[in-house]
Amino acid sequence: MKLHLTAAAAGRNAFTGYGEGWFAVNGERYSTSLIVLPERVLAWSATSFAALAASDFDVLVAQAPEIVLLGTGARQRFPEPRLTRALAAARIGLEVMDLRAACRTFNILVADDRRVAAALLIA
């Protein structure tokens, strides 16, 4: 699906499309797990939902967003609470959703000038 922005903020990332096993940020297509912040895109060591480890969330804590949108691939899956304990300790909110919902929600929150991070798993 292609997403259309009514007014993209200069210098801000936005999801411009998504599909089976991919998503696009500012028109650039990705097919690997990434962390997307309003101002940059970061590589993410997490390769799949099944392989998630507590250490995968350390990079998110270091970015200090208000909220993390965890996109768990084609369907919504909830990680073990012990894996995301560092986010709670840092008072960072966590919303778990499928990848497509995470992309749409990220765009809305960025438009509201929120400090959001989308942590997206392809598999």
Foldseek 3Di string as FASTA:
>chain_A
DADDDPDDDPQFWAWGADDQQWTDIPRRIDRFWWKHWGRDIGRFPDAALVPQALVSCPVVLVLDFQEEEEAHAPFWDDDDCVSCVSCVVSNHHYDTTHPVVLRVVNNVCVVVVGGYMYGYHHD
